[in-house]
Amino acid sequence: MKLRTRTHRGLLAAVLAGGVLLTGGCSAGGDATSHDRGGRTATDGAPVAPDGGKAAPEQPDGGADGVREDDQAREFAPPADYLSTFALDVDTASYHYARRTLGDGSLPAPDQVRPEEFINSFRQDYPRPEGDGFSVTVDGARPRSAEGEMDGQGGEEWSLVRVGLSTRGADREGERPPAALTFVIDISGSMAEPGRLDLVKESLGLLTDELRDDDSIAVVTFSDEAETRLPMTRIDGNRDRIHSVIDELEPTDSTNVEAGVTTGYDEAVEGRRRGATNRVVLLSDALANTGETEADAILDRIDDARREHGITLFGVGVGSDYGDDLMERLADKGDGHTTYVSTSAQARKVFVQQLPTHVELRARDAKAQVAFDPETVKQFRLIGYENRAVADDDFRNDQVDGGEVGPGHTVTALYAVRLREGASGHVATATVRWLDPRTRAPHERTGAVETDAIDGALWGGSSKRLQITAVAAYFAEALRGGGLPGAPSLGQLEDRARALAKSTEDSAVGELADAIEQAQRLKD
């Protein structure tokens, strides 16, 4: 499930309109509306009452700078339109596909730019919890330099607030459960383009050598029809056989995603292993043109396998022309996430460095709820996540699907927040709720932030990772034609990104700077 958000039902898509932002989250397809809240007195109690019959969730101790994790953090219940509720996941495909598009000399389509996937593409500095579940970090800054200068207009009264969630890293080799992975591989004619099927074959070959002997692989291919090339097979003693199956893959005809997904899930269910992490990995350009080509006709099979057997979906997109929306919807229904690869280096990162260690889970049905304090907060806007809704009242309803999150993952939600004049004290409380991946017992962890923790200078005065988060968010908003208070120009963003790349020695931030430079040239 994707990272999702919802505020009061009456609040729709949050956009910058005449310098005034919505007080609330976003909803796909909504009209832009402006709201300015009057002062309200909060009442006692938790932001949302627990479900009847549920055990009291665990509240771990500990915390980080700017974060409270005690009962005091939950001593208020804001009005419904001061709540923002979302289910967790860590998609990054939108950012990587945008980079590919810019590199090919074109601007990405605005509706393919999802700021949350830009933000979640970069390493963060959140502390890791000791066990399963999450740490919670809430911090922020004002969009100005340490000298008090603003890059853009309209940001004087605003702060950026970052809500960061992090899971514990991968266990040592041999400690994770075995994996049962069903690879559903697109071999249609469109996959003949360089950087598609050839990259998929290279990636799977690398992964076959990285997986453990007690892991298992099945291979299903699809073009106009689907075919099982390899039933679920233990790696031990069969690596050469698996390599031969992968090496023999060649592009053929049309793209019948429905046939591939249906056959793939049939194979995954038949080969399902108790005590293992069972997952379908879909590798495709997602350009369906045969069979049922709309996601709605494919989703039921994915949903049934997830609910009945706990089988999740990981979507890997390839190709210069890519069905981003279809892949996202499939992964959403399959409690999985998506990424996009266009180079051997990206493929190695996903299939060698990440997938073998991330096949286990740290949390099931994970959701978060951010409750803003109306006594101090005048307006807020969540950046991105317009179509990722979970009802506020369903935060503690464990029958409502959340997201599955693996080891070493981080999830970031970035808000633009306007405080009331002279406001001091509590700003927001963020609570994450998840189910133990083995026992399904519910747990929660909570963090809060005060006004003094979000009043410092963003540029040069705050965490470098917070600055990178801001650059990614501002860049995404510029690409999709939106705007944020205090947003720098693309030229200023490029300068910020290059300075951060140098100071962090992070090559991914250097690639972000290159993408901003390419976008600036195309917009000029």
Protein backbone atom coordinates (compact mmCIF):
# COMPACT_ATOMS: atom_id res chain seq x y z
CA MET A 1 0.00 0.00 0.00
CA LYS A 2 1.20 3.45 -0.80
CA LEU A 3 1.85 6.25 1.57
CA ARG A 4 -1.59 7.76 1.97
CA THR A 5 -3.15 10.80 3.52
CA ARG A 6 -6.51 12.27 4.31
CA THR A 7 -7.80 15.16 6.34
CA HIS A 8 -11.38 16.39 6.85
CA ARG A 9 -13.77 15.21 4.15
CA GLY A 10 -14.48 18.78 3.06
CA LEU A 11 -10.84 19.49 2.24
CA LEU A 12 -9.72 18.67 -1.26
CA ALA A 13 -6.52 19.00 -3.29
CA ALA A 14 -4.07 21.29 -1.53
CA VAL A 15 -2.37 23.72 -3.85
CA LEU A 16 -0.68 27.06 -3.59
CA ALA A 17 -3.29 29.56 -4.76
CA GLY A 18 -2.61 33.25 -4.40
CA GLY A 19 -0.11 32.53 -1.65
CA VAL A 20 -2.70 30.78 0.58
CA LEU A 21 -2.61 27.05 1.23
CA LEU A 22 -5.23 24.58 2.33
CA THR A 23 -5.44 23.64 5.94
CA GLY A 24 -5.31 19.92 5.33
CA GLY A 25 -4.17 17.11 3.11
CA CYS A 26 -4.95 16.25 -0.46
CA SER A 27 -7.46 14.21 -2.40
CA ALA A 28 -7.08 13.21 -6.03
CA GLY A 29 -9.27 15.10 -8.45
CA GLY A 30 -10.41 17.73 -5.96
CA ASP A 31 -10.83 21.42 -6.69
CA ALA A 32 -8.43 23.88 -5.11
CA THR A 33 -9.91 25.62 -2.06
CA SER A 34 -8.40 28.01 0.46
CA HIS A 35 -9.04 27.83 4.20
CA ASP A 36 -7.86 30.01 7.06
CA ARG A 37 -8.72 28.56 10.47
CA GLY A 38 -9.87 30.56 13.43
CA GLY A 39 -8.61 29.76 16.89
CA ARG A 40 -10.05 26.60 18.50
CA THR A 41 -9.56 25.04 21.88
CA ALA A 42 -8.41 21.41 21.82
CA THR A 43 -10.18 18.85 23.99
CA ASP A 44 -8.67 16.12 26.13
CA GLY A 45 -8.00 12.57 24.93
CA ALA A 46 -6.09 10.82 22.18
CA PRO A 47 -6.34 12.12 18.60
CA VAL A 48 -8.42 9.05 17.66
CA ALA A 49 -10.00 6.64 20.11
CA PRO A 50 -8.81 3.01 19.86
CA ASP A 51 -11.10 0.39 18.36
CA GLY A 52 -13.36 -1.41 20.77
CA GLY A 53 -11.98 -4.78 21.79
CA LYS A 54 -8.41 -3.93 20.79
CA ALA A 55 -5.58 -4.35 23.26
CA ALA A 56 -3.81 -1.17 24.29
CA PRO A 57 -0.93 -0.67 21.84
CA GLU A 58 2.65 -0.68 22.98
CA GLN A 59 4.25 2.76 23.51
CA PRO A 60 8.04 2.38 23.43
CA ASP A 61 10.24 4.81 25.28
CA GLY A 62 12.99 6.84 23.76
CA GLY A 63 13.07 9.60 21.23
CA ALA A 64 15.16 11.97 19.18
CA ASP A 65 15.86 15.68 19.09
CA GLY A 66 12.64 17.66 18.70
CA VAL A 67 10.52 14.57 19.44
CA ARG A 68 8.38 13.77 22.44
CA GLU A 69 7.27 10.19 23.03
CA ASP A 70 5.26 10.34 26.23
CA ASP A 71 1.64 10.52 27.30
CA GLN A 72 1.73 14.33 27.20
CA ALA A 73 2.17 14.16 23.43
CA ARG A 74 -1.37 12.77 23.10
CA GLU A 75 -3.25 15.04 25.52
CA PHE A 76 -5.20 16.81 22.81
CA ALA A 77 -7.72 15.91 20.12
CA PRO A 78 -7.75 18.42 17.26
CA PRO A 79 -10.74 18.95 14.99
CA ALA A 80 -10.96 16.40 12.18
CA ASP A 81 -9.58 18.84 9.62
CA TYR A 82 -6.37 19.11 11.63
CA LEU A 83 -5.65 15.40 11.13
CA SER A 84 -3.61 13.83 8.30
CA THR A 85 -3.73 10.02 8.07
CA PHE A 86 -1.79 7.78 5.71
CA ALA A 87 -0.72 4.19 5.09
CA LEU A 88 3.00 3.59 4.71
CA ASP A 89 5.13 2.48 1.79
CA VAL A 90 8.27 3.55 -0.01
CA ASP A 91 7.73 3.96 -3.76
CA THR A 92 10.47 5.72 -5.73
CA ALA A 93 9.52 5.01 -9.37
CA SER A 94 8.24 8.52 -10.14
CA TYR A 95 11.59 10.13 -9.33
CA HIS A 96 13.73 7.63 -11.24
CA TYR A 97 11.46 7.74 -14.28
CA ALA A 98 11.56 11.56 -14.20
CA ARG A 99 15.36 11.40 -14.21
CA ARG A 100 15.24 9.07 -17.22
CA THR A 101 12.83 11.38 -19.06
CA LEU A 102 14.94 14.46 -18.35
CA GLY A 103 18.05 12.62 -19.48
CA ASP A 104 16.29 11.86 -22.77
CA GLY A 105 15.67 15.58 -23.30
CA SER A 106 12.03 15.93 -22.21
CA LEU A 107 10.18 17.22 -19.18
CA PRO A 108 8.11 14.58 -17.36
CA ALA A 109 4.34 14.90 -17.61
CA PRO A 110 3.08 16.80 -14.53
CA ASP A 111 0.64 14.02 -13.62
CA GLN A 112 3.54 11.54 -13.44
CA VAL A 113 5.39 13.62 -10.84
CA ARG A 114 4.65 12.46 -7.30
CA PRO A 115 6.62 14.53 -4.78
CA GLU A 116 6.53 11.85 -2.10
CA GLU A 117 8.46 9.50 -4.39
CA PHE A 118 11.09 12.18 -5.01
CA ILE A 119 11.43 12.71 -1.25
CA ASN A 120 11.59 8.99 -0.43
CA SER A 121 14.35 8.37 -2.98
CA PHE A 122 17.02 9.76 -0.66
CA ARG A 123 18.79 8.47 2.41
CA GLN A 124 17.67 9.96 5.72
CA ASP A 125 19.26 10.49 9.13
CA TYR A 126 16.55 8.99 11.33
CA PRO A 127 17.54 6.77 14.28
CA ARG A 128 16.79 3.07 13.87
CA PRO A 129 14.63 1.21 16.40
CA GLU A 130 16.03 -1.85 18.15
CA GLY A 131 13.16 -4.19 17.28
CA ASP A 132 10.47 -4.48 14.63
CA GLY A 133 8.32 -1.46 13.95
CA PHE A 134 9.46 2.14 13.68
CA SER A 135 11.29 5.07 15.16
CA VAL A 136 9.49 8.42 14.85
CA THR A 137 11.32 11.68 14.15
CA VAL A 138 9.59 15.05 13.80
CA ASP A 139 11.64 18.15 13.01
CA GLY A 140 11.65 21.13 10.71
CA ALA A 141 12.98 24.56 9.81
CA ARG A 142 12.05 27.84 8.16
CA PRO A 143 12.93 28.15 4.43
CA ARG A 144 15.66 30.76 4.91
CA SER A 145 19.44 30.88 5.19
CA ALA A 146 21.38 31.16 8.43
CA GLU A 147 21.74 34.88 7.60
CA GLY A 148 17.96 35.24 7.43
CA GLU A 149 17.72 35.49 3.62
CA MET A 150 14.89 33.83 1.68
CA ASP A 151 15.47 32.18 -1.71
CA GLY A 152 11.86 32.55 -2.82
CA GLN A 153 8.78 34.62 -2.08
CA GLY A 154 6.02 34.14 0.46
CA GLY A 155 7.81 31.90 2.91
CA GLU A 156 8.32 34.32 5.78
CA GLU A 157 5.45 32.93 7.85
CA TRP A 158 5.96 29.28 6.97
CA SER A 159 8.04 26.35 8.19
CA LEU A 160 8.73 22.93 6.71
CA VAL A 161 7.90 20.07 9.10
CA ARG A 162 9.40 16.65 8.39
CA VAL A 163 7.79 13.51 9.80
CA GLY A 164 10.25 10.64 9.48
CA LEU A 165 9.67 6.95 10.14
CA SER A 166 12.42 4.35 10.06
CA THR A 167 12.69 0.58 10.51
CA ARG A 168 15.59 -1.47 11.83
CA GLY A 169 18.11 -2.61 9.24
CA ALA A 170 18.40 -6.08 7.74
CA ASP A 171 19.41 -8.96 9.99
CA ARG A 172 22.71 -10.73 9.54
CA GLU A 173 22.91 -13.32 6.80
CA GLY A 174 20.92 -16.40 7.73
CA GLU A 175 18.66 -14.69 10.29
CA ARG A 176 15.88 -13.64 7.91
CA PRO A 177 13.17 -16.08 6.86
CA PRO A 178 13.66 -17.80 3.49
CA ALA A 179 12.15 -16.10 0.45
CA ALA A 180 9.79 -17.55 -2.15
CA LEU A 181 9.91 -15.13 -5.10
CA THR A 182 7.79 -15.44 -8.25
CA PHE A 183 9.22 -13.34 -11.07
CA VAL A 184 6.61 -12.25 -13.61
CA ILE A 185 8.58 -11.02 -16.63
CA ASP A 186 7.28 -9.02 -19.57
CA ILE A 187 8.74 -10.40 -22.86
CA SER A 188 6.46 -8.45 -25.21
CA GLY A 189 7.76 -6.73 -28.33
CA SER A 190 8.12 -3.39 -26.55
CA MET A 191 10.66 -5.01 -24.20
CA ALA A 192 13.12 -5.40 -27.11
CA GLU A 193 14.25 -1.80 -26.69
CA PRO A 194 17.71 -1.53 -25.09
CA GLY A 195 17.42 -1.03 -21.36
CA ARG A 196 14.34 -3.24 -21.01
CA LEU A 197 14.48 -7.05 -21.30
CA ASP A 198 18.28 -7.06 -21.48
CA LEU A 199 18.39 -5.13 -18.20
CA VAL A 200 15.82 -7.46 -16.63
CA LYS A 201 17.88 -10.52 -17.58
CA GLU A 202 21.04 -8.95 -16.21
CA SER A 203 19.24 -8.05 -12.98
CA LEU A 204 17.79 -11.52 -12.42
CA GLY A 205 21.11 -13.15 -13.14
CA LEU A 206 22.73 -11.01 -10.45
CA LEU A 207 19.95 -11.75 -8.00
CA THR A 208 20.16 -15.52 -8.57
CA ASP A 209 23.76 -15.45 -7.37
CA GLU A 210 22.87 -13.32 -4.31
CA LEU A 211 19.97 -15.34 -2.92
CA ARG A 212 20.53 -18.02 -0.28
CA ASP A 213 20.37 -21.76 -0.90
CA ASP A 214 17.14 -22.03 1.09
CA ASP A 215 15.39 -19.35 -1.01
CA SER A 216 13.12 -20.31 -3.92
CA ILE A 217 12.37 -18.81 -7.34
CA ALA A 218 9.60 -19.27 -9.89
CA VAL A 219 9.64 -17.64 -13.35
CA VAL A 220 6.54 -16.70 -15.36
CA THR A 221 6.76 -14.82 -18.66
CA PHE A 222 4.03 -13.04 -20.58
CA SER A 223 3.47 -11.41 -23.94
CA ASP A 224 0.10 -12.08 -25.61
CA GLU A 225 -0.14 -15.16 -23.36
CA ALA A 226 1.52 -16.22 -20.10
CA GLU A 227 3.76 -19.23 -19.55
CA THR A 228 5.39 -20.75 -16.47
CA ARG A 229 9.06 -21.19 -17.39
CA LEU A 230 10.12 -22.42 -13.95
CA PRO A 231 7.85 -23.63 -11.13
CA MET A 232 8.82 -22.72 -7.58
CA THR A 233 12.34 -24.15 -7.23
CA ARG A 234 14.86 -24.10 -4.38
CA ILE A 235 18.05 -22.23 -5.21
CA ASP A 236 20.23 -24.95 -3.69
CA GLY A 237 21.60 -27.11 -6.49
CA ASN A 238 19.61 -25.29 -9.19
CA ARG A 239 21.46 -22.04 -9.87
CA ASP A 240 22.66 -23.18 -13.30
CA ARG A 241 19.13 -24.25 -14.25
CA ILE A 242 17.74 -20.88 -13.17
CA HIS A 243 20.42 -19.01 -15.12
CA SER A 244 19.57 -21.05 -18.23
CA VAL A 245 15.88 -20.14 -17.97
CA ILE A 246 16.74 -16.44 -17.63
CA ASP A 247 19.27 -16.47 -20.47
CA GLU A 248 16.71 -17.98 -22.88
CA LEU A 249 14.23 -15.12 -22.52
CA GLU A 250 13.57 -13.24 -25.78
CA PRO A 251 10.99 -10.58 -26.71
CA THR A 252 7.95 -11.72 -28.68
CA ASP A 253 4.51 -10.12 -29.21
CA SER A 254 1.93 -7.97 -27.37
CA THR A 255 1.68 -7.05 -23.68
CA ASN A 256 -1.03 -8.94 -21.83
CA VAL A 257 -0.35 -7.83 -18.26
CA GLU A 258 -3.56 -9.47 -17.05
CA ALA A 259 -2.40 -12.91 -18.22
CA GLY A 260 1.03 -12.42 -16.66
CA VAL A 261 -0.25 -11.24 -13.29
CA THR A 262 -2.95 -13.92 -13.10
CA THR A 263 -0.58 -16.78 -13.99
CA GLY A 264 2.14 -15.34 -11.77
CA TYR A 265 -0.13 -15.21 -8.74
CA ASP A 266 -1.43 -18.71 -9.47
CA GLU A 267 2.16 -19.92 -9.44
CA ALA A 268 2.95 -17.96 -6.27
CA VAL A 269 -0.04 -19.45 -4.45
CA GLU A 270 0.75 -22.98 -5.60
CA GLY A 271 4.40 -22.63 -4.62
CA ARG A 272 3.76 -20.74 -1.40
CA ARG A 273 6.03 -21.76 1.49
CA ARG A 274 5.01 -21.60 5.12
CA GLY A 275 7.36 -19.53 7.22
CA ALA A 276 8.82 -17.84 4.14
CA THR A 277 8.37 -14.36 2.69
CA ASN A 278 6.17 -14.94 -0.36
CA ARG A 279 6.35 -12.22 -2.98
CA VAL A 280 5.58 -11.60 -6.65
CA VAL A 281 8.13 -9.43 -8.49
CA LEU A 282 6.66 -7.89 -11.66
CA LEU A 283 9.24 -6.66 -14.20
CA SER A 284 7.64 -4.75 -17.07
CA ASP A 285 7.23 -1.49 -18.94
CA ALA A 286 3.53 -1.87 -17.96
CA LEU A 287 2.31 -0.87 -21.42
CA ALA A 288 -0.66 -3.23 -21.57
CA ASN A 289 -2.25 -3.51 -25.01
CA THR A 290 -3.79 -7.01 -25.05
CA GLY A 291 -6.37 -8.65 -22.79
CA GLU A 292 -7.76 -6.59 -19.94
CA THR A 293 -5.66 -3.43 -20.14
CA GLU A 294 -7.21 -1.52 -17.22
CA ALA A 295 -5.87 -2.05 -13.72
CA ASP A 296 -9.36 -2.59 -12.27
CA ALA A 297 -9.66 -5.88 -14.17
CA ILE A 298 -6.40 -7.21 -12.68
CA LEU A 299 -6.67 -6.00 -9.09
CA ASP A 300 -9.03 -8.66 -7.72
CA ARG A 301 -6.51 -11.48 -8.19
CA ILE A 302 -3.79 -9.47 -6.47
CA ASP A 303 -6.08 -8.52 -3.59
CA ASP A 304 -7.25 -12.11 -3.03
CA ALA A 305 -3.68 -13.45 -2.86
CA ARG A 306 -2.66 -10.72 -0.44
CA ARG A 307 -5.61 -11.25 1.89
CA GLU A 308 -5.70 -15.04 1.82
CA HIS A 309 -2.01 -15.90 1.56
CA GLY A 310 -0.04 -12.78 2.52
CA ILE A 311 1.62 -12.57 -0.91
CA THR A 312 2.89 -9.06 -1.64
CA LEU A 313 3.95 -7.40 -4.90
CA PHE A 314 7.14 -5.57 -5.86
CA GLY A 315 6.93 -3.73 -9.18
CA VAL A 316 10.08 -2.91 -11.16
CA GLY A 317 9.53 -0.58 -14.11
CA VAL A 318 11.80 -0.36 -17.16
CA GLY A 319 11.82 1.44 -20.50
CA SER A 320 11.77 5.02 -21.80
CA ASP A 321 8.00 4.72 -22.33
CA TYR A 322 6.61 3.34 -19.08
CA GLY A 323 3.09 2.67 -17.78
CA ASP A 324 3.71 4.33 -14.45
CA ASP A 325 0.06 4.62 -13.39
CA LEU A 326 -0.74 0.95 -14.04
CA MET A 327 2.34 -0.31 -12.19
CA GLU A 328 1.59 1.94 -9.23
CA ARG A 329 -2.00 0.73 -8.93
CA LEU A 330 -0.97 -2.91 -9.12
CA ALA A 331 1.63 -2.49 -6.37
CA ASP A 332 -0.83 -0.48 -4.31
CA LYS A 333 -3.36 -3.31 -4.30
CA GLY A 334 -0.65 -5.88 -3.65
CA ASP A 335 0.66 -4.15 -0.50
CA GLY A 336 3.96 -3.64 -2.27
CA HIS A 337 5.97 -0.85 -3.73
CA THR A 338 7.47 0.18 -7.04
CA THR A 339 10.81 1.34 -8.31
CA TYR A 340 12.22 2.12 -11.74
CA VAL A 341 15.57 1.12 -13.20
CA SER A 342 17.19 2.30 -16.42
CA THR A 343 20.88 1.48 -15.93
CA SER A 344 22.99 -1.45 -14.81
CA ALA A 345 24.06 0.50 -11.72
CA GLN A 346 20.43 1.04 -10.68
CA ALA A 347 19.64 -2.62 -11.35
CA ARG A 348 22.57 -3.75 -9.22
CA LYS A 349 21.43 -1.50 -6.37
CA VAL A 350 17.89 -2.91 -6.45
CA PHE A 351 18.60 -6.59 -7.10
CA VAL A 352 21.96 -7.09 -5.40
CA GLN A 353 22.07 -4.58 -2.56
CA GLN A 354 18.39 -4.24 -1.63
CA LEU A 355 16.08 -7.07 -2.62
CA PRO A 356 17.99 -10.03 -1.09
CA THR A 357 18.05 -8.39 2.35
CA HIS A 358 14.64 -6.70 2.16
CA VAL A 359 12.49 -9.74 1.49
CA GLU A 360 11.42 -9.95 5.14
CA LEU A 361 9.01 -7.57 6.89
CA ARG A 362 9.37 -5.27 9.87
CA ALA A 363 5.72 -4.19 9.99
CA ARG A 364 2.36 -5.12 8.49
CA ASP A 365 -0.57 -2.80 7.83
CA ALA A 366 1.40 0.24 8.98
CA LYS A 367 -0.39 3.59 9.14
CA ALA A 368 0.52 7.01 10.47
CA GLN A 369 -1.56 9.91 11.71
CA VAL A 370 -0.28 13.45 12.16
CA ALA A 371 -2.42 15.63 14.44
CA PHE A 372 -1.76 19.37 14.19
CA ASP A 373 -2.53 21.60 17.16
CA PRO A 374 -5.09 24.28 16.22
CA GLU A 375 -3.89 26.50 19.05
CA THR A 376 -0.54 27.01 17.32
CA VAL A 377 -1.13 25.99 13.67
CA LYS A 378 -3.05 28.28 11.33
CA GLN A 379 -2.59 26.33 8.08
CA PHE A 380 -0.76 23.28 6.83
CA ARG A 381 -0.23 21.49 3.56
CA LEU A 382 1.11 18.00 2.96
CA ILE A 383 3.47 17.96 -0.02
CA GLY A 384 2.33 15.16 -2.34
CA TYR A 385 0.22 12.09 -1.53
CA GLU A 386 -2.92 13.57 -3.10
CA ASN A 387 -4.41 10.20 -3.98
CA ARG A 388 -3.30 8.20 -0.91
CA ALA A 389 -6.31 8.33 1.39
CA VAL A 390 -7.04 6.52 4.66
CA ALA A 391 -10.03 7.76 6.65
CA ASP A 392 -9.01 9.38 9.92
CA ASP A 393 -11.47 7.19 11.82
CA ASP A 394 -9.83 4.09 10.33
CA PHE A 395 -6.39 4.77 11.78
CA ARG A 396 -6.89 2.15 14.52
CA ASN A 397 -9.20 -0.07 12.52
CA ASP A 398 -6.86 -2.97 11.79
CA GLN A 399 -9.32 -4.38 9.27
CA VAL A 400 -8.46 -1.45 7.01
CA ASP A 401 -5.40 -2.20 4.94
CA GLY A 402 -2.14 -0.40 5.66
CA GLY A 403 1.33 -0.84 4.20
CA GLU A 404 3.97 -3.54 4.54
CA VAL A 405 7.42 -2.16 5.31
CA GLY A 406 10.71 -4.05 5.24
CA PRO A 407 14.04 -3.64 7.03
CA GLY A 408 16.11 -0.51 6.66
CA HIS A 409 13.30 1.50 5.06
CA THR A 410 12.42 5.11 5.77
CA VAL A 411 9.18 6.96 5.03
CA THR A 412 9.06 10.76 5.00
CA ALA A 413 6.11 13.12 4.94
CA LEU A 414 6.93 16.80 4.48
CA TYR A 415 4.48 19.53 5.42
CA ALA A 416 4.40 23.28 4.86
CA VAL A 417 3.07 24.71 8.14
CA ARG A 418 2.00 28.27 8.95
CA LEU A 419 1.95 29.04 12.66
CA ARG A 420 -0.33 31.53 14.35
CA GLU A 421 1.23 34.88 15.22
CA GLY A 422 3.13 34.58 18.48
CA ALA A 423 2.48 30.83 18.71
CA SER A 424 4.61 28.88 21.16
CA GLY A 425 4.57 25.27 22.30
CA HIS A 426 3.18 22.09 20.78
CA VAL A 427 2.81 22.02 16.97
CA ALA A 428 2.02 18.43 15.97
CA THR A 429 1.98 14.84 17.14
CA ALA A 430 2.79 11.97 14.76
CA THR A 431 1.71 8.43 15.64
CA VAL A 432 2.58 5.31 13.65
CA ARG A 433 0.59 2.10 14.16
CA TRP A 434 1.55 -1.31 12.82
CA LEU A 435 0.91 -5.01 13.28
CA ASP A 436 3.69 -7.36 14.29
CA PRO A 437 4.63 -9.31 11.13
CA ARG A 438 4.50 -12.64 13.03
CA THR A 439 1.85 -12.27 15.75
CA ARG A 440 -0.32 -9.54 14.16
CA ALA A 441 -0.40 -7.76 17.53
CA PRO A 442 -0.86 -3.97 17.19
CA HIS A 443 1.85 -1.55 18.33
CA GLU A 444 2.22 2.22 18.25
CA ARG A 445 4.96 4.78 18.61
CA THR A 446 4.46 8.51 18.91
CA GLY A 447 6.58 11.63 18.48
CA ALA A 448 5.79 15.32 18.72
CA VAL A 449 7.40 18.63 17.80
CA GLU A 450 7.41 22.08 19.40
CA THR A 451 7.58 25.53 17.82
CA ASP A 452 11.23 26.09 18.76
CA ALA A 453 12.24 22.89 16.91
CA ILE A 454 10.94 24.21 13.56
CA ASP A 455 12.05 27.85 13.86
CA GLY A 456 15.69 27.51 12.77
CA ALA A 457 17.12 28.24 9.33
CA LEU A 458 16.71 25.49 6.74
CA TRP A 459 19.67 26.38 4.54
CA GLY A 460 22.95 25.96 6.35
CA GLY A 461 21.40 25.68 9.78
CA SER A 462 19.47 22.41 9.79
CA SER A 463 20.18 18.75 9.17
CA LYS A 464 21.69 18.20 5.72
CA ARG A 465 19.18 15.40 5.14
CA LEU A 466 16.31 17.76 5.89
CA GLN A 467 17.80 20.17 3.34
CA ILE A 468 17.99 17.37 0.73
CA THR A 469 14.36 16.49 1.49
CA ALA A 470 13.39 20.11 0.88
CA VAL A 471 15.32 20.28 -2.41
CA ALA A 472 13.59 17.12 -3.66
CA ALA A 473 10.15 18.45 -2.68
CA TYR A 474 10.71 21.89 -4.23
CA PHE A 475 12.00 20.26 -7.42
CA ALA A 476 8.99 17.97 -7.75
CA GLU A 477 6.60 20.87 -7.20
CA ALA A 478 8.39 22.90 -9.89
CA LEU A 479 8.12 20.01 -12.37
CA ARG A 480 4.39 19.60 -11.87
CA GLY A 481 3.70 23.33 -12.03
CA GLY A 482 2.87 23.89 -8.39
CA GLY A 483 4.56 26.05 -5.84
CA LEU A 484 5.46 26.26 -2.19
CA PRO A 485 6.06 29.22 0.12
CA GLY A 486 9.70 30.26 -0.06
CA ALA A 487 10.43 27.97 -3.01
CA PRO A 488 13.84 28.68 -4.62
CA SER A 489 14.22 28.96 -8.37
CA LEU A 490 15.57 25.95 -10.24
CA GLY A 491 18.95 27.66 -10.47
CA GLN A 492 19.02 28.20 -6.73
CA LEU A 493 17.91 24.61 -6.15
CA GLU A 494 20.71 23.30 -8.34
CA ASP A 495 23.24 25.32 -6.33
CA ARG A 496 21.80 23.99 -3.07
CA ALA A 497 21.89 20.41 -4.37
CA ARG A 498 25.48 20.64 -5.59
CA ALA A 499 26.66 22.07 -2.27
CA LEU A 500 24.84 19.30 -0.40
CA ALA A 501 26.26 16.63 -2.72
CA LYS A 502 29.76 17.89 -1.95
CA SER A 503 29.29 18.15 1.82
CA THR A 504 27.56 14.75 2.16
CA GLU A 505 29.66 12.96 -0.48
CA ASP A 506 26.37 11.40 -1.63
CA SER A 507 26.38 10.60 -5.36
CA ALA A 508 22.56 10.36 -5.38
CA VAL A 509 22.36 14.04 -4.44
CA GLY A 510 24.74 14.85 -7.27
CA GLU A 511 22.37 13.05 -9.64
CA LEU A 512 19.53 15.17 -8.23
CA ALA A 513 21.54 18.31 -9.02
CA ASP A 514 22.09 17.06 -12.60
CA ALA A 515 18.35 16.44 -13.01
CA ILE A 516 17.53 19.96 -11.77
CA GLU A 517 20.06 21.41 -14.25
CA GLN A 518 18.48 19.42 -17.09
CA ALA A 519 14.99 20.62 -16.12
CA GLN A 520 16.15 24.22 -15.98
CA ARG A 521 17.59 24.02 -19.51
CA LEU A 522 14.36 22.48 -20.83
CA LYS A 523 12.19 25.12 -19.16
CA ASP A 524 14.30 28.07 -20.40
